[in-house]
Amino acid sequence: MDFDWINVPADLGDVTAKEVEESFEDPFSIRLLPDTDEVSAGEARYFILGKSVSGRSIFTIFWTDGKKYRVIQSRQMTEAENVFYERKNADLAN
């Protein structure tokens, strides 16, 4: 997985680039496509909910061309997003 961190327009806030990359490697991460008809080919923005190695819950919006990932925004998950992440992973375990 190759991230493009050069001239990134992303606002990572208090989340580090390392934590973002780790959340993408989370085997239990949840990746979602936006639910919109206005997205043209090659311009889709994706969402990922994952955890860093330290267990920090990270929500990221990103773009990819299939080879490189470009982070648009990343932050700690809200309580509702964390509940969604935990519930989806519990459903997969059963």
PDB file of N, CA and C in Angstrom:
ATOM      1  N   MET A   1       0.854  -1.153   0.000  1.00  0.00           N
ATOM      2  CA  MET A   1       0.000   0.000   0.000  1.00  0.00           C
ATOM      3  C   MET A   1       0.911   1.230   0.000  1.00  0.00           C
ATOM      4  N   ASP A   2       0.718   2.090  -0.976  1.00  0.00           N
ATOM      5  CA  ASP A   2       1.571   3.264  -1.147  1.00  0.00           C
ATOM      6  C   ASP A   2       0.739   4.533  -0.968  1.00  0.00           C
ATOM      7  N   PHE A   3       1.132   5.358  -0.014  1.00  0.00           N
ATOM      8  CA  PHE A   3       0.422   6.604   0.254  1.00  0.00           C
ATOM      9  C   PHE A   3       1.148   7.772  -0.394  1.00  0.00           C
ATOM     10  N   ASP A   4       0.382   8.704  -0.928  1.00  0.00           N
ATOM     11  CA  ASP A   4       0.919   9.927  -1.502  1.00  0.00           C
ATOM     12  C   ASP A   4       0.759  11.029  -0.458  1.00  0.00           C
ATOM     13  N   TRP A   5       1.839  11.334   0.270  1.00  0.00           N
ATOM     14  CA  TRP A   5       1.805  12.342   1.319  1.00  0.00           C
ATOM     15  C   TRP A   5       2.395  13.679   0.846  1.00  0.00           C
ATOM     16  N   ILE A   6       2.760  13.784  -0.442  1.00  0.00           N
ATOM     17  CA  ILE A   6       3.347  15.012  -0.969  1.00  0.00           C
ATOM     18  C   ILE A   6       2.233  16.015  -1.271  1.00  0.00           C
ATOM     19  N   ASN A   7       2.350  17.205  -0.723  1.00  0.00           N
ATOM     20  CA  ASN A   7       1.371  18.281  -0.916  1.00  0.00           C
ATOM     21  C   ASN A   7      -0.064  17.833  -0.634  1.00  0.00           C
ATOM     22  N   VAL A   8      -0.220  17.079   0.413  1.00  0.00           N
ATOM     23  CA  VAL A   8      -1.535  16.546   0.770  1.00  0.00           C
ATOM     24  C   VAL A   8      -2.419  17.664   1.309  1.00  0.00           C
ATOM     25  N   PRO A   9      -3.637  17.771   0.777  1.00  0.00           N
ATOM     26  CA  PRO A   9      -4.546  18.797   1.276  1.00  0.00           C
ATOM     27  C   PRO A   9      -5.226  18.373   2.571  1.00  0.00           C
ATOM     28  N   ALA A  10      -4.821  17.230   3.105  1.00  0.00           N
ATOM     29  CA  ALA A  10      -5.504  16.649   4.261  1.00  0.00           C
ATOM     30  C   ALA A  10      -5.250  17.418   5.542  1.00  0.00           C
ATOM     31  N   ASP A  11      -6.270  17.437   6.370  1.00  0.00           N
ATOM     32  CA  ASP A  11      -6.158  17.964   7.713  1.00  0.00           C
ATOM     33  C   ASP A  11      -6.218  16.761   8.644  1.00  0.00           C
ATOM     34  N   LEU A  12      -5.061  16.383   9.185  1.00  0.00           N
ATOM     35  CA  LEU A  12      -5.016  15.205  10.037  1.00  0.00           C
ATOM     36  C   LEU A  12      -5.313  15.520  11.496  1.00  0.00           C
ATOM     37  N   GLY A  13      -5.360  16.799  11.828  1.00  0.00           N
ATOM     38  CA  GLY A  13      -5.637  17.160  13.214  1.00  0.00           C
ATOM     39  C   GLY A  13      -4.610  16.533  14.132  1.00  0.00           C
ATOM     40  N   ASP A  14      -5.056  15.813  15.145  1.00  0.00           N
ATOM     41  CA  ASP A  14      -4.120  15.182  16.076  1.00  0.00           C
ATOM     42  C   ASP A  14      -3.826  13.724  15.713  1.00  0.00           C
ATOM     43  N   VAL A  15      -4.251  13.291  14.537  1.00  0.00           N
ATOM     44  CA  VAL A  15      -3.967  11.946  14.045  1.00  0.00           C
ATOM     45  C   VAL A  15      -2.675  12.005  13.233  1.00  0.00           C
ATOM     46  N   THR A  16      -1.775  11.066  13.443  1.00  0.00           N
ATOM     47  CA  THR A  16      -0.512  11.062  12.701  1.00  0.00           C
ATOM     48  C   THR A  16      -0.648  10.275  11.396  1.00  0.00           C
ATOM     49  N   ALA A  17       0.229  10.554  10.445  1.00  0.00           N
ATOM     50  CA  ALA A  17       0.239   9.827   9.177  1.00  0.00           C
ATOM     51  C   ALA A  17       0.458   8.335   9.433  1.00  0.00           C
ATOM     52  N   LYS A  18       1.299   8.008  10.412  1.00  0.00           N
ATOM     53  CA  LYS A  18       1.555   6.594  10.753  1.00  0.00           C
ATOM     54  C   LYS A  18       0.274   5.911  11.226  1.00  0.00           C
ATOM     55  N   GLU A  19      -0.498   6.588  12.068  1.00  0.00           N
ATOM     56  CA  GLU A  19      -1.758   6.011  12.551  1.00  0.00           C
ATOM     57  C   GLU A  19      -2.738   5.802  11.405  1.00  0.00           C
ATOM     58  N   VAL A  20      -2.773   6.730  10.463  1.00  0.00           N
ATOM     59  CA  VAL A  20      -3.652   6.586   9.299  1.00  0.00           C
ATOM     60  C   VAL A  20      -3.246   5.345   8.507  1.00  0.00           C
ATOM     61  N   GLU A  21      -1.963   5.209   8.225  1.00  0.00           N
ATOM     62  CA  GLU A  21      -1.488   4.052   7.463  1.00  0.00           C
ATOM     63  C   GLU A  21      -1.788   2.754   8.210  1.00  0.00           C
ATOM     64  N   GLU A  22      -1.600   2.749   9.519  1.00  0.00           N
ATOM     65  CA  GLU A  22      -1.900   1.556  10.315  1.00  0.00           C
ATOM     66  C   GLU A  22      -3.383   1.205  10.257  1.00  0.00           C
ATOM     67  N   SER A  23      -4.259   2.217  10.232  1.00  0.00           N
ATOM     68  CA  SER A  23      -5.699   1.943  10.179  1.00  0.00           C
ATOM     69  C   SER A  23      -6.088   1.282   8.857  1.00  0.00           C
ATOM     70  N   PHE A  24      -5.351   1.567   7.786  1.00  0.00           N
ATOM     71  CA  PHE A  24      -5.604   0.916   6.504  1.00  0.00           C
ATOM     72  C   PHE A  24      -5.167  -0.550   6.532  1.00  0.00           C
ATOM     73  N   GLU A  25      -4.209  -0.873   7.391  1.00  0.00           N
ATOM     74  CA  GLU A  25      -3.712  -2.247   7.502  1.00  0.00           C
ATOM     75  C   GLU A  25      -4.505  -3.076   8.499  1.00  0.00           C
ATOM     76  N   ASP A  26      -5.436  -2.457   9.194  1.00  0.00           N
ATOM     77  CA  ASP A  26      -6.299  -3.149  10.151  1.00  0.00           C
ATOM     78  C   ASP A  26      -7.089  -4.228   9.403  1.00  0.00           C
ATOM     79  N   PRO A  27      -6.908  -5.511   9.770  1.00  0.00           N
ATOM     80  CA  PRO A  27      -7.638  -6.580   9.061  1.00  0.00           C
ATOM     81  C   PRO A  27      -9.150  -6.510   9.248  1.00  0.00           C
ATOM     82  N   PHE A  28      -9.611  -5.737  10.218  1.00  0.00           N
ATOM     83  CA  PHE A  28     -11.037  -5.602  10.480  1.00  0.00           C
ATOM     84  C   PHE A  28     -11.601  -4.261  10.008  1.00  0.00           C
ATOM     85  N   SER A  29     -10.788  -3.498   9.269  1.00  0.00           N
ATOM     86  CA  SER A  29     -11.240  -2.186   8.798  1.00  0.00           C
ATOM     87  C   SER A  29     -12.454  -2.336   7.893  1.00  0.00           C
ATOM     88  N   ILE A  30     -13.243  -1.272   7.851  1.00  0.00           N
ATOM     89  CA  ILE A  30     -14.460  -1.257   7.041  1.00  0.00           C
ATOM     90  C   ILE A  30     -14.300  -0.153   6.006  1.00  0.00           C
ATOM     91  N   ARG A  31     -14.378  -0.526   4.721  1.00  0.00           N
ATOM     92  CA  ARG A  31     -14.258   0.444   3.634  1.00  0.00           C
ATOM     93  C   ARG A  31     -15.615   0.627   2.983  1.00  0.00           C
ATOM     94  N   LEU A  32     -15.974   1.878   2.754  1.00  0.00           N
ATOM     95  CA  LEU A  32     -17.289   2.199   2.208  1.00  0.00           C
ATOM     96  C   LEU A  32     -17.152   3.150   1.028  1.00  0.00           C
ATOM     97  N   LEU A  33     -18.047   2.988   0.065  1.00  0.00           N
ATOM     98  CA  LEU A  33     -18.168   3.932  -1.042  1.00  0.00           C
ATOM     99  C   LEU A  33     -19.258   4.928  -0.706  1.00  0.00           C
ATOM    100  N   PRO A  34     -19.106   6.168  -1.128  1.00  0.00           N
ATOM    101  CA  PRO A  34     -20.185   7.130  -0.878  1.00  0.00           C
ATOM    102  C   PRO A  34     -21.435   6.750  -1.647  1.00  0.00           C
ATOM    103  N   ASP A  35     -22.578   7.014  -1.068  1.00  0.00           N
ATOM    104  CA  ASP A  35     -23.855   6.684  -1.688  1.00  0.00           C
ATOM    105  C   ASP A  35     -24.357   7.899  -2.468  1.00  0.00           C
ATOM    106  N   THR A  36     -23.821   8.055  -3.687  1.00  0.00           N
ATOM    107  CA  THR A  36     -24.224   9.182  -4.506  1.00  0.00           C
ATOM    108  C   THR A  36     -24.131   8.838  -5.988  1.00  0.00           C
ATOM    109  N   ASP A  37     -24.988   9.416  -6.781  1.00  0.00           N
ATOM    110  CA  ASP A  37     -24.945   9.213  -8.228  1.00  0.00           C
ATOM    111  C   ASP A  37     -24.090  10.265  -8.912  1.00  0.00           C
ATOM    112  N   GLU A  38     -23.630  11.261  -8.165  1.00  0.00           N
ATOM    113  CA  GLU A  38     -22.887  12.369  -8.747  1.00  0.00           C
ATOM    114  C   GLU A  38     -21.399  12.100  -8.904  1.00  0.00           C
ATOM    115  N   VAL A  39     -20.918  10.950  -8.455  1.00  0.00           N
ATOM    116  CA  VAL A  39     -19.493  10.635  -8.534  1.00  0.00           C
ATOM    117  C   VAL A  39     -19.168  10.110  -9.923  1.00  0.00           C
ATOM    118  N   SER A  40     -18.261  10.791 -10.597  1.00  0.00           N
ATOM    119  CA  SER A  40     -17.830  10.319 -11.911  1.00  0.00           C
ATOM    120  C   SER A  40     -16.650   9.365 -11.741  1.00  0.00           C
ATOM    121  N   ALA A  41     -16.385   8.568 -12.755  1.00  0.00           N
ATOM    122  CA  ALA A  41     -15.310   7.581 -12.704  1.00  0.00           C
ATOM    123  C   ALA A  41     -13.981   8.262 -12.388  1.00  0.00           C
ATOM    124  N   GLY A  42     -13.233   7.659 -11.486  1.00  0.00           N
ATOM    125  CA  GLY A  42     -11.935   8.186 -11.137  1.00  0.00           C
ATOM    126  C   GLY A  42     -11.953   9.292 -10.100  1.00  0.00           C
ATOM    127  N   GLU A  43     -13.122   9.741  -9.684  1.00  0.00           N
ATOM    128  CA  GLU A  43     -13.205  10.823  -8.711  1.00  0.00           C
ATOM    129  C   GLU A  43     -13.912  10.401  -7.430  1.00  0.00           C
ATOM    130  N   ALA A  44     -14.174   9.131  -7.277  1.00  0.00           N
ATOM    131  CA  ALA A  44     -14.876   8.656  -6.091  1.00  0.00           C
ATOM    132  C   ALA A  44     -14.014   8.814  -4.850  1.00  0.00           C
ATOM    133  N   ARG A  45     -14.646   9.226  -3.793  1.00  0.00           N
ATOM    134  CA  ARG A  45     -13.985   9.315  -2.501  1.00  0.00           C
ATOM    135  C   ARG A  45     -14.506   8.177  -1.642  1.00  0.00           C
ATOM    136  N   TYR A  46     -13.592   7.526  -0.991  1.00  0.00           N
ATOM    137  CA  TYR A  46     -13.918   6.371  -0.171  1.00  0.00           C
ATOM    138  C   TYR A  46     -13.776   6.731   1.303  1.00  0.00           C
ATOM    139  N   PHE A  47     -14.399   5.920   2.139  1.00  0.00           N
ATOM    140  CA  PHE A  47     -14.320   6.083   3.581  1.00  0.00           C
ATOM    141  C   PHE A  47     -13.758   4.800   4.166  1.00  0.00           C
ATOM    142  N   ILE A  48     -12.953   4.929   5.203  1.00  0.00           N
ATOM    143  CA  ILE A  48     -12.464   3.747   5.905  1.00  0.00           C
ATOM    144  C   ILE A  48     -12.535   3.996   7.406  1.00  0.00           C
ATOM    145  N   LEU A  49     -12.985   2.985   8.115  1.00  0.00           N
ATOM    146  CA  LEU A  49     -12.979   2.996   9.569  1.00  0.00           C
ATOM    147  C   LEU A  49     -12.041   1.874   9.984  1.00  0.00           C
ATOM    148  N   GLY A  50     -10.989   2.218  10.697  1.00  0.00           N
ATOM    149  CA  GLY A  50     -10.006   1.218  11.109  1.00  0.00           C
ATOM    150  C   GLY A  50      -9.318   1.640  12.380  1.00  0.00           C
ATOM    151  N   LYS A  51      -8.509   0.736  12.911  1.00  0.00           N
ATOM    152  CA  LYS A  51      -7.799   1.014  14.155  1.00  0.00           C
ATOM    153  C   LYS A  51      -6.290   0.985  13.922  1.00  0.00           C
ATOM    154  N   SER A  52      -5.603   1.864  14.639  1.00  0.00           N
ATOM    155  CA  SER A  52      -4.142   1.885  14.587  1.00  0.00           C
ATOM    156  C   SER A  52      -3.618   0.749  15.456  1.00  0.00           C
ATOM    157  N   VAL A  53      -2.315   0.522  15.414  1.00  0.00           N
ATOM    158  CA  VAL A  53      -1.703  -0.530  16.219  1.00  0.00           C
ATOM    159  C   VAL A  53      -1.947  -0.289  17.713  1.00  0.00           C
ATOM    160  N   SER A  54      -1.977   0.972  18.118  1.00  0.00           N
ATOM    161  CA  SER A  54      -2.220   1.302  19.531  1.00  0.00           C
ATOM    162  C   SER A  54      -3.693   1.180  19.924  1.00  0.00           C
ATOM    163  N   GLY A  55      -4.573   0.901  18.927  1.00  0.00           N
ATOM    164  CA  GLY A  55      -5.995   0.731  19.200  1.00  0.00           C
ATOM    165  C   GLY A  55      -6.820   1.985  19.004  1.00  0.00           C
ATOM    166  N   ARG A  56      -6.207   3.026  18.493  1.00  0.00           N
ATOM    167  CA  ARG A  56      -6.939   4.274  18.246  1.00  0.00           C
ATOM    168  C   ARG A  56      -7.872   4.101  17.056  1.00  0.00           C
ATOM    169  N   SER A  57      -9.126   4.495  17.210  1.00  0.00           N
ATOM    170  CA  SER A  57     -10.141   4.375  16.161  1.00  0.00           C
ATOM    171  C   SER A  57     -10.026   5.561  15.211  1.00  0.00           C
ATOM    172  N   ILE A  58      -9.787   5.283  13.909  1.00  0.00           N
ATOM    173  CA  ILE A  58      -9.526   6.327  12.928  1.00  0.00           C
ATOM    174  C   ILE A  58     -10.561   6.269  11.802  1.00  0.00           C
ATOM    175  N   PHE A  59     -11.110   7.434  11.441  1.00  0.00           N
ATOM    176  CA  PHE A  59     -12.019   7.585  10.297  1.00  0.00           C
ATOM    177  C   PHE A  59     -11.266   8.401   9.244  1.00  0.00           C
ATOM    178  N   THR A  60     -11.211   7.896   8.007  1.00  0.00           N
ATOM    179  CA  THR A  60     -10.477   8.584   6.950  1.00  0.00           C
ATOM    180  C   THR A  60     -11.304   8.638   5.672  1.00  0.00           C
ATOM    181  N   ILE A  61     -11.246   9.779   5.011  1.00  0.00           N
ATOM    182  CA  ILE A  61     -11.796   9.939   3.666  1.00  0.00           C
ATOM    183  C   ILE A  61     -10.590   9.969   2.737  1.00  0.00           C
ATOM    184  N   PHE A  62     -10.635   9.173   1.661  1.00  0.00           N
ATOM    185  CA  PHE A  62      -9.479   9.093   0.784  1.00  0.00           C
ATOM    186  C   PHE A  62      -9.886   8.862  -0.655  1.00  0.00           C
ATOM    187  N   TRP A  63      -8.920   9.031  -1.534  1.00  0.00           N
ATOM    188  CA  TRP A  63      -9.065   8.778  -2.964  1.00  0.00           C
ATOM    189  C   TRP A  63      -7.970   7.790  -3.336  1.00  0.00           C
ATOM    190  N   THR A  64      -8.243   6.907  -4.287  1.00  0.00           N
ATOM    191  CA  THR A  64      -7.220   5.986  -4.766  1.00  0.00           C
ATOM    192  C   THR A  64      -7.386   5.735  -6.252  1.00  0.00           C
ATOM    193  N   ASP A  65      -6.253   5.508  -6.917  1.00  0.00           N
ATOM    194  CA  ASP A  65      -6.281   5.111  -8.321  1.00  0.00           C
ATOM    195  C   ASP A  65      -6.002   3.617  -8.440  1.00  0.00           C
ATOM    196  N   GLY A  66      -6.014   2.916  -7.315  1.00  0.00           N
ATOM    197  CA  GLY A  66      -5.745   1.490  -7.290  1.00  0.00           C
ATOM    198  C   GLY A  66      -4.301   1.172  -6.937  1.00  0.00           C
ATOM    199  N   LYS A  67      -3.433   2.166  -7.032  1.00  0.00           N
ATOM    200  CA  LYS A  67      -2.024   1.977  -6.702  1.00  0.00           C
ATOM    201  C   LYS A  67      -1.597   2.860  -5.539  1.00  0.00           C
ATOM    202  N   LYS A  68      -2.012   4.100  -5.578  1.00  0.00           N
ATOM    203  CA  LYS A  68      -1.663   5.058  -4.530  1.00  0.00           C
ATOM    204  C   LYS A  68      -2.922   5.521  -3.810  1.00  0.00           C
ATOM    205  N   TYR A  69      -2.727   5.821  -2.535  1.00  0.00           N
ATOM    206  CA  TYR A  69      -3.813   6.330  -1.706  1.00  0.00           C
ATOM    207  C   TYR A  69      -3.491   7.773  -1.332  1.00  0.00           C
ATOM    208  N   ARG A  70      -4.490   8.636  -1.439  1.00  0.00           N
ATOM    209  CA  ARG A  70      -4.314  10.042  -1.086  1.00  0.00           C
ATOM    210  C   ARG A  70      -5.380  10.397  -0.051  1.00  0.00           C
ATOM    211  N   VAL A  71      -4.939  10.743   1.137  1.00  0.00           N
ATOM    212  CA  VAL A  71      -5.828  11.066   2.236  1.00  0.00           C
ATOM    213  C   VAL A  71      -6.372  12.483   2.064  1.00  0.00           C
ATOM    214  N   ILE A  72      -7.669  12.612   2.192  1.00  0.00           N
ATOM    215  CA  ILE A  72      -8.325  13.914   2.093  1.00  0.00           C
ATOM    216  C   ILE A  72      -8.582  14.470   3.488  1.00  0.00           C
ATOM    217  N   GLN A  73      -9.069  13.614   4.388  1.00  0.00           N
ATOM    218  CA  GLN A  73      -9.281  14.017   5.775  1.00  0.00           C
ATOM    219  C   GLN A  73      -9.203  12.787   6.653  1.00  0.00           C
ATOM    220  N   SER A  74      -8.694  12.958   7.845  1.00  0.00           N
ATOM    221  CA  SER A  74      -8.629  11.864   8.807  1.00  0.00           C
ATOM    222  C   SER A  74      -8.812  12.433  10.208  1.00  0.00           C
ATOM    223  N   ARG A  75      -9.493  11.659  11.055  1.00  0.00           N
ATOM    224  CA  ARG A  75      -9.757  12.081  12.432  1.00  0.00           C
ATOM    225  C   ARG A  75     -10.105  10.854  13.257  1.00  0.00           C
ATOM    226  N   GLN A  76     -10.199  11.048  14.543  1.00  0.00           N
ATOM    227  CA  GLN A  76     -10.634   9.970  15.421  1.00  0.00           C
ATOM    228  C   GLN A  76     -12.117   9.720  15.174  1.00  0.00           C
ATOM    229  N   MET A  77     -12.536   8.450  15.218  1.00  0.00           N
ATOM    230  CA  MET A  77     -13.953   8.117  15.017  1.00  0.00           C
ATOM    231  C   MET A  77     -14.814   8.738  16.105  1.00  0.00           C
ATOM    232  N   THR A  78     -16.038   9.092  15.722  1.00  0.00           N
ATOM    233  CA  THR A  78     -17.018   9.518  16.716  1.00  0.00           C
ATOM    234  C   THR A  78     -17.517   8.274  17.453  1.00  0.00           C
ATOM    235  N   GLU A  79     -18.242   8.470  18.520  1.00  0.00           N
ATOM    236  CA  GLU A  79     -18.790   7.332  19.273  1.00  0.00           C
ATOM    237  C   GLU A  79     -19.705   6.487  18.385  1.00  0.00           C
ATOM    238  N   ALA A  80     -20.548   7.131  17.571  1.00  0.00           N
ATOM    239  CA  ALA A  80     -21.467   6.396  16.686  1.00  0.00           C
ATOM    240  C   ALA A  80     -20.688   5.587  15.640  1.00  0.00           C
ATOM    241  N   GLU A  81     -19.626   6.159  15.087  1.00  0.00           N
ATOM    242  CA  GLU A  81     -18.813   5.437  14.096  1.00  0.00           C
ATOM    243  C   GLU A  81     -18.113   4.250  14.743  1.00  0.00           C
ATOM    244  N   ASN A  82     -17.650   4.442  15.973  1.00  0.00           N
ATOM    245  CA  ASN A  82     -16.981   3.353  16.683  1.00  0.00           C
ATOM    246  C   ASN A  82     -17.957   2.215  16.980  1.00  0.00           C
ATOM    247  N   VAL A  83     -19.182   2.557  17.361  1.00  0.00           N
ATOM    248  CA  VAL A  83     -20.215   1.539  17.604  1.00  0.00           C
ATOM    249  C   VAL A  83     -20.505   0.783  16.306  1.00  0.00           C
ATOM    250  N   PHE A  84     -20.614   1.502  15.184  1.00  0.00           N
ATOM    251  CA  PHE A  84     -20.840   0.882  13.875  1.00  0.00           C
ATOM    252  C   PHE A  84     -19.707  -0.084  13.547  1.00  0.00           C
ATOM    253  N   TYR A  85     -18.455   0.341  13.728  1.00  0.00           N
ATOM    254  CA  TYR A  85     -17.276  -0.494  13.474  1.00  0.00           C
ATOM    255  C   TYR A  85     -17.331  -1.780  14.310  1.00  0.00           C
ATOM    256  N   GLU A  86     -17.570  -1.621  15.610  1.00  0.00           N
ATOM    257  CA  GLU A  86     -17.609  -2.779  16.513  1.00  0.00           C
ATOM    258  C   GLU A  86     -18.767  -3.716  16.166  1.00  0.00           C
ATOM    259  N   ARG A  87     -19.942  -3.150  15.846  1.00  0.00           N
ATOM    260  CA  ARG A  87     -21.111  -3.969  15.507  1.00  0.00           C
ATOM    261  C   ARG A  87     -20.880  -4.765  14.225  1.00  0.00           C
ATOM    262  N   LYS A  88     -20.320  -4.109  13.198  1.00  0.00           N
ATOM    263  CA  LYS A  88     -20.062  -4.805  11.927  1.00  0.00           C
ATOM    264  C   LYS A  88     -19.059  -5.927  12.114  1.00  0.00           C
ATOM    265  N   ASN A  89     -18.036  -5.698  12.910  1.00  0.00           N
ATOM    266  CA  ASN A  89     -17.050  -6.741  13.145  1.00  0.00           C
ATOM    267  C   ASN A  89     -17.617  -7.874  14.000  1.00  0.00           C
ATOM    268  N   ALA A  90     -18.510  -7.562  14.916  1.00  0.00           N
ATOM    269  CA  ALA A  90     -19.165  -8.608  15.711  1.00  0.00           C
ATOM    270  C   ALA A  90     -20.075  -9.445  14.824  1.00  0.00           C
ATOM    271  N   ASP A  91     -20.772  -8.806  13.870  1.00  0.00           N
ATOM    272  CA  ASP A  91     -21.637  -9.530  12.934  1.00  0.00           C
ATOM    273  C   ASP A  91     -20.829 -10.483  12.066  1.00  0.00           C
ATOM    274  N   LEU A  92     -19.641 -10.072  11.659  1.00  0.00           N
ATOM    275  CA  LEU A  92     -18.800 -10.923  10.812  1.00  0.00           C
ATOM    276  C   LEU A  92     -18.242 -12.109  11.592  1.00  0.00           C
ATOM    277  N   ALA A  93     -18.062 -11.935  12.894  1.00  0.00           N
ATOM    278  CA  ALA A  93     -17.515 -13.010  13.739  1.00  0.00           C
ATOM    279  C   ALA A  93     -18.539 -14.105  13.994  1.00  0.00           C
ATOM    280  N   ASN A  94     -19.819 -13.774  13.862  1.00  0.00           N
ATOM    281  CA  ASN A  94     -20.874 -14.763  14.146  1.00  0.00           C
ATOM    282  C   ASN A  94     -21.282 -15.523  12.933  1.00  0.00           C
TER     283      ASN A  94
END
